[in-house]
Amino acid sequence: LDESTLLTGSSDGLIRVVGIMPNKLYGLVGDHDNFPVELMRWSHDKSLVASISHDNLVRFWDVSYLHDEDEDEEGEGAAAEEAGMPADEAADHTSPALLAHLRS
């Protein structure tokens, strides 16, 4: 995402947004239901991340809300709903601290 924030896919099937300086877990982007994540790739416009795991599925995750600088909290919920995720569920996955960090 930037020089100190990245996405990780791991053996527990979770795709996390983490900070490396300082070390901090900001939230979750997606879950492959405990199947290890093997590969992740950005879309050309960085609005989606595709992930492949041992569940034999390619999943697409809308991460456009991580790049939107002009949205307020209400806007974040709208972006999540457009992606097919309830706004309250999106709030559980991505912390306000991550959004504030990416906007600074």
Protein backbone atom coordinates (compact mmCIF):
# COMPACT_ATOMS: atom_id res chain seq x y z
CA LEU A 1 0.00 0.00 0.00
CA ASP A 2 2.83 2.34 0.88
CA GLU A 3 6.42 2.16 2.16
CA SER A 4 5.34 1.18 5.70
CA THR A 5 2.01 -0.62 5.13
CA LEU A 6 1.43 -3.85 3.24
CA LEU A 7 -0.96 -6.72 2.63
CA THR A 8 0.02 -10.21 3.76
CA GLY A 9 -1.49 -13.56 2.87
CA SER A 10 -0.68 -16.34 5.27
CA SER A 11 -1.05 -20.04 6.03
CA ASP A 12 -4.12 -19.43 8.20
CA GLY A 13 -6.00 -18.14 5.13
CA LEU A 14 -6.22 -14.52 6.28
CA ILE A 15 -5.23 -11.49 4.23
CA ARG A 16 -4.13 -8.79 6.63
CA VAL A 17 -3.18 -5.13 6.39
CA VAL A 18 -0.10 -4.63 8.56
CA GLY A 19 2.26 -1.81 9.40
CA ILE A 20 5.98 -2.54 9.47
CA MET A 21 7.18 0.66 11.13
CA PRO A 22 5.78 0.36 13.78
CA ASN A 23 4.64 -3.26 13.75
CA LYS A 24 0.87 -3.09 13.87
CA LEU A 25 -2.11 -5.08 12.62
CA TYR A 26 -4.58 -2.65 11.05
CA GLY A 27 -7.26 -5.09 9.92
CA LEU A 28 -8.37 -7.90 7.65
CA VAL A 29 -9.13 -7.70 3.96
CA GLY A 30 -10.31 -11.28 3.43
CA ASP A 31 -10.36 -14.90 4.51
CA HIS A 32 -9.87 -18.16 2.62
CA ASP A 33 -11.46 -20.20 5.45
CA ASN A 34 -8.20 -21.56 6.93
CA PHE A 35 -6.75 -22.56 3.54
CA PRO A 36 -3.21 -21.17 3.05
CA VAL A 37 -2.93 -18.17 0.74
CA GLU A 38 -0.46 -18.95 -2.05
CA LEU A 39 -0.45 -15.83 -4.22
CA MET A 40 -1.86 -12.30 -4.30
CA ARG A 41 -1.86 -9.76 -7.14
CA TRP A 42 -3.08 -6.16 -7.49
CA SER A 43 -5.42 -5.08 -10.28
CA HIS A 44 -4.05 -2.47 -12.69
CA ASP A 45 -5.79 0.36 -10.79
CA LYS A 46 -5.07 -1.08 -7.31
CA SER A 47 -8.79 -1.24 -6.46
CA LEU A 48 -8.82 -5.05 -6.22
CA VAL A 49 -6.55 -7.73 -4.87
CA ALA A 50 -6.84 -11.25 -6.26
CA SER A 51 -5.80 -14.13 -4.03
CA ILE A 52 -5.34 -17.84 -4.66
CA SER A 53 -5.28 -20.49 -1.97
CA HIS A 54 -5.50 -24.23 -1.39
CA ASP A 55 -9.31 -24.03 -1.57
CA ASN A 56 -8.88 -23.95 -5.39
CA LEU A 57 -10.57 -20.56 -5.63
CA VAL A 58 -9.44 -17.22 -6.95
CA ARG A 59 -11.04 -14.54 -4.81
CA PHE A 60 -11.21 -10.83 -5.53
CA TRP A 61 -11.18 -8.34 -2.67
CA ASP A 62 -12.28 -4.74 -3.08
CA VAL A 63 -9.56 -2.65 -1.44
CA SER A 64 -10.42 0.65 -3.11
CA TYR A 65 -11.43 2.05 0.29
CA LEU A 66 -7.78 1.80 1.36
CA HIS A 67 -6.84 4.36 -1.30
CA ASP A 68 -9.78 6.77 -1.09
CA GLU A 69 -8.48 9.97 0.50
CA ASP A 70 -11.62 12.08 0.34
CA GLU A 71 -14.12 9.74 1.99
CA ASP A 72 -15.41 10.17 5.50
CA GLU A 73 -16.70 7.34 7.70
CA GLU A 74 -20.09 7.39 5.96
CA GLY A 75 -18.32 7.10 2.62
CA GLU A 76 -16.37 4.08 3.78
CA GLY A 77 -19.61 2.24 4.50
CA ALA A 78 -20.96 3.14 1.09
CA ALA A 79 -17.79 1.83 -0.58
CA ALA A 80 -18.09 -1.41 1.38
CA GLU A 81 -21.74 -1.83 0.41
CA GLU A 82 -20.87 -1.25 -3.26
CA ALA A 83 -18.40 -4.11 -2.91
CA GLY A 84 -21.15 -6.36 -1.55
CA MET A 85 -19.98 -6.16 2.06
CA PRO A 86 -22.24 -4.74 4.78
CA ALA A 87 -20.86 -1.50 6.21
CA ASP A 88 -20.70 -2.92 9.75
CA GLU A 89 -18.73 -5.92 8.50
CA ALA A 90 -16.27 -3.64 6.69
CA ALA A 91 -15.74 -1.72 9.92
CA ASP A 92 -14.80 -5.01 11.61
CA HIS A 93 -12.16 -5.71 8.96
CA THR A 94 -10.40 -2.39 8.57
CA SER A 95 -9.52 -0.14 11.44
CA PRO A 96 -9.93 3.63 11.36
CA ALA A 97 -6.23 3.83 12.29
CA LEU A 98 -5.30 2.20 8.98
CA LEU A 99 -7.46 4.57 6.99
CA ALA A 100 -6.03 7.57 8.85
CA HIS A 101 -2.46 6.26 8.35
CA LEU A 102 -2.96 5.79 4.60
CA ARG A 103 -4.46 9.26 4.24
CA SER A 104 -1.57 10.99 6.00
